[in-house]
PDB file of all heavy atoms in Angstrom:
ATOM      1  N   GLN A   1       7.203  -5.354   0.751  1.00  0.00           N
ATOM      2  CA  GLN A   1       6.538  -4.932  -0.546  1.00  0.00           C
ATOM      3  C   GLN A   1       6.346  -5.999  -1.441  1.00  0.00           C
ATOM      4  O   GLN A   1       7.380  -6.798  -1.821  1.00  0.00           O
ATOM      5  CB  GLN A   1       7.430  -3.863  -1.105  1.00  0.00           C
ATOM      6  CG  GLN A   1       6.817  -3.201  -2.342  1.00  0.00           C
ATOM      7  CD  GLN A   1       7.636  -2.003  -2.772  1.00  0.00           C
ATOM      8  OE1 GLN A   1       8.427  -1.551  -1.988  1.00  0.00           O
ATOM      9  NE2 GLN A   1       7.409  -1.622  -3.968  1.00  0.00           N
ATOM     10  N   LEU A   2       5.269  -6.250  -1.963  1.00  0.00           N
ATOM     11  CA  LEU A   2       4.977  -7.239  -2.946  1.00  0.00           C
ATOM     12  C   LEU A   2       4.937  -6.630  -4.401  1.00  0.00           C
ATOM     13  O   LEU A   2       4.800  -5.438  -4.640  1.00  0.00           O
ATOM     14  CB  LEU A   2       3.544  -7.832  -2.814  1.00  0.00           C
ATOM     15  CG  LEU A   2       3.363  -8.405  -1.358  1.00  0.00           C
ATOM     16  CD1 LEU A   2       1.957  -9.029  -1.179  1.00  0.00           C
ATOM     17  CD2 LEU A   2       4.441  -9.503  -1.117  1.00  0.00           C
ATOM     18  N   ALA A   3       5.111  -7.579  -5.375  1.00  0.00           N
ATOM     19  CA  ALA A   3       5.217  -7.100  -6.774  1.00  0.00           C
ATOM     20  C   ALA A   3       3.887  -6.537  -7.298  1.00  0.00           C
ATOM     21  O   ALA A   3       3.786  -5.713  -8.095  1.00  0.00           O
ATOM     22  CB  ALA A   3       5.699  -8.231  -7.680  1.00  0.00           C
ATOM     23  N   ASP A   4       2.781  -7.096  -6.717  1.00  0.00           N
ATOM     24  CA  ASP A   4       1.603  -6.527  -7.094  1.00  0.00           C
ATOM     25  C   ASP A   4       1.394  -5.195  -6.465  1.00  0.00           C
ATOM     26  O   ASP A   4       1.435  -4.948  -5.169  1.00  0.00           O
ATOM     27  CB  ASP A   4       0.413  -7.432  -6.512  1.00  0.00           C
ATOM     28  CG  ASP A   4      -0.910  -7.051  -6.701  1.00  0.00           C
ATOM     29  OD1 ASP A   4      -1.151  -5.954  -7.254  1.00  0.00           O
ATOM     30  OD2 ASP A   4      -1.785  -7.837  -6.401  1.00  0.00           O
ATOM     31  N   ALA A   5       1.133  -4.203  -7.297  1.00  0.00           N
ATOM     32  CA  ALA A   5       1.133  -2.859  -6.885  1.00  0.00           C
ATOM     33  C   ALA A   5       0.053  -2.589  -5.833  1.00  0.00           C
ATOM     34  O   ALA A   5       0.168  -1.635  -4.994  1.00  0.00           O
ATOM     35  CB  ALA A   5       0.965  -1.854  -8.014  1.00  0.00           C
ATOM     36  N   SER A   6      -1.071  -3.333  -5.988  1.00  0.00           N
ATOM     37  CA  SER A   6      -2.138  -3.230  -5.001  1.00  0.00           C
ATOM     38  C   SER A   6      -1.816  -3.546  -3.608  1.00  0.00           C
ATOM     39  O   SER A   6      -2.414  -3.235  -2.629  1.00  0.00           O
ATOM     40  CB  SER A   6      -3.283  -4.095  -5.492  1.00  0.00           C
ATOM     41  OG  SER A   6      -3.047  -5.421  -5.330  1.00  0.00           O
ATOM     42  N   LEU A   7      -0.633  -4.326  -3.436  1.00  0.00           N
ATOM     43  CA  LEU A   7      -0.283  -4.739  -2.105  1.00  0.00           C
ATOM     44  C   LEU A   7       1.158  -4.020  -1.691  1.00  0.00           C
ATOM     45  O   LEU A   7       1.706  -4.428  -0.699  1.00  0.00           O
ATOM     46  CB  LEU A   7      -0.069  -6.340  -2.075  1.00  0.00           C
ATOM     47  CG  LEU A   7      -1.352  -7.069  -2.385  1.00  0.00           C
ATOM     48  CD1 LEU A   7      -0.943  -8.590  -2.435  1.00  0.00           C
ATOM     49  CD2 LEU A   7      -2.425  -6.913  -1.310  1.00  0.00           C
ATOM     50  N   SER A   8       1.610  -3.100  -2.497  1.00  0.00           N
ATOM     51  CA  SER A   8       2.960  -2.510  -2.325  1.00  0.00           C
ATOM     52  C   SER A   8       2.991  -1.683  -1.121  1.00  0.00           C
ATOM     53  O   SER A   8       2.078  -1.053  -0.740  1.00  0.00           O
ATOM     54  CB  SER A   8       3.331  -1.925  -3.575  1.00  0.00           C
ATOM     55  OG  SER A   8       4.423  -1.119  -3.365  1.00  0.00           O
ATOM     56  N   HIS A   9       4.216  -1.607  -0.498  1.00  0.00           N
ATOM     57  CA  HIS A   9       4.437  -0.675   0.548  1.00  0.00           C
ATOM     58  C   HIS A   9       4.655   0.742  -0.093  1.00  0.00           C
ATOM     59  O   HIS A   9       4.669   1.727   0.580  1.00  0.00           O
ATOM     60  CB  HIS A   9       5.703  -1.011   1.412  1.00  0.00           C
ATOM     61  CG  HIS A   9       5.424  -2.109   2.435  1.00  0.00           C
ATOM     62  ND1 HIS A   9       5.891  -2.074   3.605  1.00  0.00           N
ATOM     63  CD2 HIS A   9       4.605  -3.205   2.263  1.00  0.00           C
ATOM     64  CE1 HIS A   9       5.397  -3.083   4.346  1.00  0.00           C
ATOM     65  NE2 HIS A   9       4.776  -3.851   3.534  1.00  0.00           N
ATOM     66  N   TYR A  10       5.157   0.843  -1.350  1.00  0.00           N
ATOM     67  CA  TYR A  10       5.392   2.069  -1.994  1.00  0.00           C
ATOM     68  C   TYR A  10       4.531   2.181  -3.180  1.00  0.00           C
ATOM     69  O   TYR A  10       4.443   1.245  -4.070  1.00  0.00           O
ATOM     70  CB  TYR A  10       6.840   2.167  -2.403  1.00  0.00           C
ATOM     71  CG  TYR A  10       7.778   2.396  -1.435  1.00  0.00           C
ATOM     72  CD1 TYR A  10       8.399   1.370  -0.589  1.00  0.00           C
ATOM     73  CD2 TYR A  10       8.185   3.745  -0.958  1.00  0.00           C
ATOM     74  CE1 TYR A  10       9.345   1.640   0.439  1.00  0.00           C
ATOM     75  CE2 TYR A  10       9.128   3.903   0.012  1.00  0.00           C
ATOM     76  CZ  TYR A  10       9.705   2.888   0.671  1.00  0.00           C
ATOM     77  OH  TYR A  10      10.570   3.123   1.641  1.00  0.00           O
ATOM     78  N   ASP A  11       3.754   3.347  -3.301  1.00  0.00           N
ATOM     79  CA  ASP A  11       2.886   3.595  -4.479  1.00  0.00           C
ATOM     80  C   ASP A  11       3.779   4.367  -5.375  1.00  0.00           C
ATOM     81  O   ASP A  11       3.973   5.587  -5.107  1.00  0.00           O
ATOM     82  CB  ASP A  11       1.658   4.363  -3.988  1.00  0.00           C
ATOM     83  CG  ASP A  11       0.797   4.834  -5.149  1.00  0.00           C
ATOM     84  OD1 ASP A  11       1.163   4.430  -6.345  1.00  0.00           O
ATOM     85  OD2 ASP A  11       0.018   5.620  -4.938  1.00  0.00           O
ATOM     86  N   ASN A  12       4.309   3.698  -6.397  1.00  0.00           N
ATOM     87  CA  ASN A  12       5.263   4.391  -7.211  1.00  0.00           C
ATOM     88  C   ASN A  12       4.638   4.968  -8.521  1.00  0.00           C
ATOM     89  O   ASN A  12       5.294   5.193  -9.526  1.00  0.00           O
ATOM     90  CB  ASN A  12       6.422   3.410  -7.558  1.00  0.00           C
ATOM     91  CG  ASN A  12       7.337   3.280  -6.426  1.00  0.00           C
ATOM     92  OD1 ASN A  12       7.702   4.242  -5.722  1.00  0.00           O
ATOM     93  ND2 ASN A  12       7.862   2.086  -6.210  1.00  0.00           N
ATOM     94  N   ARG A  13       3.367   5.330  -8.354  1.00  0.00           N
ATOM     95  CA  ARG A  13       2.841   6.085  -9.459  1.00  0.00           C
ATOM     96  C   ARG A  13       3.424   7.359  -9.569  1.00  0.00           C
ATOM     97  O   ARG A  13       3.999   7.863  -8.706  1.00  0.00           O
ATOM     98  CB  ARG A  13       1.233   6.277  -9.242  1.00  0.00           C
ATOM     99  CG  ARG A  13       0.447   4.997  -9.132  1.00  0.00           C
ATOM    100  CD  ARG A  13      -1.031   5.374  -8.765  1.00  0.00           C
ATOM    101  NE  ARG A  13      -1.061   5.948  -7.450  1.00  0.00           N
ATOM    102  CZ  ARG A  13      -1.232   7.272  -7.325  1.00  0.00           C
ATOM    103  NH1 ARG A  13      -1.564   8.111  -8.323  1.00  0.00           N
ATOM    104  NH2 ARG A  13      -1.345   7.850  -6.006  1.00  0.00           N
ATOM    105  N   GLN A  14       3.281   8.004 -10.751  1.00  0.00           N
ATOM    106  CA  GLN A  14       3.578   9.412 -10.906  1.00  0.00           C
ATOM    107  C   GLN A  14       2.254  10.212 -11.251  1.00  0.00           C
ATOM    108  O   GLN A  14       2.067  10.403 -12.419  1.00  0.00           O
ATOM    109  CB  GLN A  14       4.660   9.535 -11.997  1.00  0.00           C
ATOM    110  CG  GLN A  14       5.953   8.764 -11.728  1.00  0.00           C
ATOM    111  CD  GLN A  14       6.983   9.122 -12.647  1.00  0.00           C
ATOM    112  OE1 GLN A  14       6.944  10.117 -13.396  1.00  0.00           O
ATOM    113  NE2 GLN A  14       8.142   8.418 -12.583  1.00  0.00           N
ATOM    114  N   PRO A  15       1.582  10.564 -10.196  1.00  0.00           N
ATOM    115  CA  PRO A  15       0.424  11.367 -10.490  1.00  0.00           C
ATOM    116  C   PRO A  15       0.649  12.715 -11.106  1.00  0.00           C
ATOM    117  O   PRO A  15       1.705  13.181 -11.118  1.00  0.00           O
ATOM    118  CB  PRO A  15      -0.241  11.514  -9.003  1.00  0.00           C
ATOM    119  CG  PRO A  15       0.963  11.361  -8.120  1.00  0.00           C
ATOM    120  CD  PRO A  15       1.868  10.480  -8.777  1.00  0.00           C
ATOM    121  N   PRO A  16      -0.405  13.233 -11.626  1.00  0.00           N
ATOM    122  CA  PRO A  16      -0.253  14.600 -12.472  1.00  0.00           C
ATOM    123  C   PRO A  16       0.247  15.643 -11.547  1.00  0.00           C
ATOM    124  O   PRO A  16      -0.185  15.764 -10.393  1.00  0.00           O
ATOM    125  CB  PRO A  16      -1.599  14.834 -13.013  1.00  0.00           C
ATOM    126  CG  PRO A  16      -2.495  14.060 -12.215  1.00  0.00           C
ATOM    127  CD  PRO A  16      -1.813  12.877 -11.803  1.00  0.00           C
ATOM    128  N   ILE A  17       1.144  16.484 -12.125  1.00  0.00           N
ATOM    129  CA  ILE A  17       1.655  17.641 -11.271  1.00  0.00           C
ATOM    130  C   ILE A  17       0.935  18.927 -11.833  1.00  0.00           C
ATOM    131  O   ILE A  17       0.737  19.115 -12.956  1.00  0.00           O
ATOM    132  CB  ILE A  17       3.118  17.888 -11.475  1.00  0.00           C
ATOM    133  CG1 ILE A  17       3.885  16.587 -10.976  1.00  0.00           C
ATOM    134  CG2 ILE A  17       3.685  19.113 -10.805  1.00  0.00           C
ATOM    135  CD1 ILE A  17       5.427  16.602 -11.197  1.00  0.00           C
ATOM    136  N   GLY A  18       0.488  19.794 -10.971  1.00  0.00           N
ATOM    137  CA  GLY A  18      -0.243  20.914 -11.296  1.00  0.00           C
ATOM    138  C   GLY A  18       0.647  21.897 -12.082  1.00  0.00           C
ATOM    139  O   GLY A  18       1.791  22.116 -11.828  1.00  0.00           O
ATOM    140  N   THR A  19       0.105  22.598 -13.127  1.00  0.00           N
ATOM    141  CA  THR A  19       0.782  23.516 -14.018  1.00  0.00           C
ATOM    142  C   THR A  19       0.821  24.926 -13.318  1.00  0.00           C
ATOM    143  O   THR A  19      -0.127  25.365 -12.726  1.00  0.00           O
ATOM    144  CB  THR A  19       0.088  23.681 -15.248  1.00  0.00           C
ATOM    145  OG1 THR A  19       0.073  22.432 -15.991  1.00  0.00           O
ATOM    146  CG2 THR A  19       0.749  24.709 -16.224  1.00  0.00           C
ATOM    147  N   VAL A  20       1.985  25.425 -13.275  1.00  0.00           N
ATOM    148  CA  VAL A  20       2.166  26.825 -12.606  1.00  0.00           C
ATOM    149  C   VAL A  20       2.338  27.900 -13.597  1.00  0.00           C
ATOM    150  O   VAL A  20       2.177  29.050 -13.208  1.00  0.00           O
ATOM    151  CB  VAL A  20       3.449  26.761 -11.601  1.00  0.00           C
ATOM    152  CG1 VAL A  20       3.190  25.719 -10.548  1.00  0.00           C
ATOM    153  CG2 VAL A  20       4.710  26.565 -12.360  1.00  0.00           C
ATOM    154  N   GLY A  21       2.441  27.581 -14.884  1.00  0.00           N
ATOM    155  CA  GLY A  21       2.609  28.683 -15.834  1.00  0.00           C
ATOM    156  C   GLY A  21       3.296  28.133 -17.120  1.00  0.00           C
ATOM    157  O   GLY A  21       3.397  26.928 -17.403  1.00  0.00           O
ATOM    158  N   LYS A  22       3.760  29.049 -17.934  1.00  0.00           N
ATOM    159  CA  LYS A  22       4.465  28.763 -19.227  1.00  0.00           C
ATOM    160  C   LYS A  22       5.787  29.414 -19.205  1.00  0.00           C
ATOM    161  O   LYS A  22       6.007  30.507 -18.863  1.00  0.00           O
ATOM    162  CB  LYS A  22       3.558  29.414 -20.489  1.00  0.00           C
ATOM    163  CG  LYS A  22       2.296  28.581 -20.777  1.00  0.00           C
ATOM    164  CD  LYS A  22       1.633  29.137 -21.939  1.00  0.00           C
ATOM    165  CE  LYS A  22       0.439  28.316 -22.347  1.00  0.00           C
ATOM    166  NZ  LYS A  22       0.816  27.016 -22.991  1.00  0.00           N
ATOM    167  N   LEU A  23       6.717  28.522 -19.736  1.00  0.00           N
ATOM    168  CA  LEU A  23       8.062  28.936 -19.904  1.00  0.00           C
ATOM    169  C   LEU A  23       8.235  28.896 -21.502  1.00  0.00           C
ATOM    170  O   LEU A  23       8.276  27.766 -22.034  1.00  0.00           O
ATOM    171  CB  LEU A  23       9.056  28.077 -19.307  1.00  0.00           C
ATOM    172  CG  LEU A  23      10.528  28.460 -19.286  1.00  0.00           C
ATOM    173  CD1 LEU A  23      10.730  29.870 -18.695  1.00  0.00           C
ATOM    174  CD2 LEU A  23      11.402  27.456 -18.646  1.00  0.00           C
ATOM    175  N   GLY A  24       8.232  30.051 -22.179  1.00  0.00           N
ATOM    176  CA  GLY A  24       8.208  29.987 -23.606  1.00  0.00           C
ATOM    177  C   GLY A  24       6.764  29.515 -23.983  1.00  0.00           C
ATOM    178  O   GLY A  24       5.730  30.151 -23.555  1.00  0.00           O
ATOM    179  N   GLU A  25       6.657  28.516 -24.799  1.00  0.00           N
ATOM    180  CA  GLU A  25       5.344  28.093 -25.306  1.00  0.00           C
ATOM    181  C   GLU A  25       4.942  26.875 -24.498  1.00  0.00           C
ATOM    182  O   GLU A  25       3.908  26.189 -24.883  1.00  0.00           O
ATOM    183  CB  GLU A  25       5.480  27.724 -26.752  1.00  0.00           C
ATOM    184  CG  GLU A  25       5.838  28.912 -27.667  1.00  0.00           C
ATOM    185  CD  GLU A  25       4.663  29.949 -27.632  1.00  0.00           C
ATOM    186  OE1 GLU A  25       3.476  29.567 -27.457  1.00  0.00           O
ATOM    187  OE2 GLU A  25       4.992  31.092 -27.537  1.00  0.00           O
TER     188      GLU A  25
END
């Protein structure tokens, strides 16, 4: 794994998680 994310063995982004509903507001 290289420090350049474009060459990395792990893509450590945190992509958006789908919303399943509302807890309170």
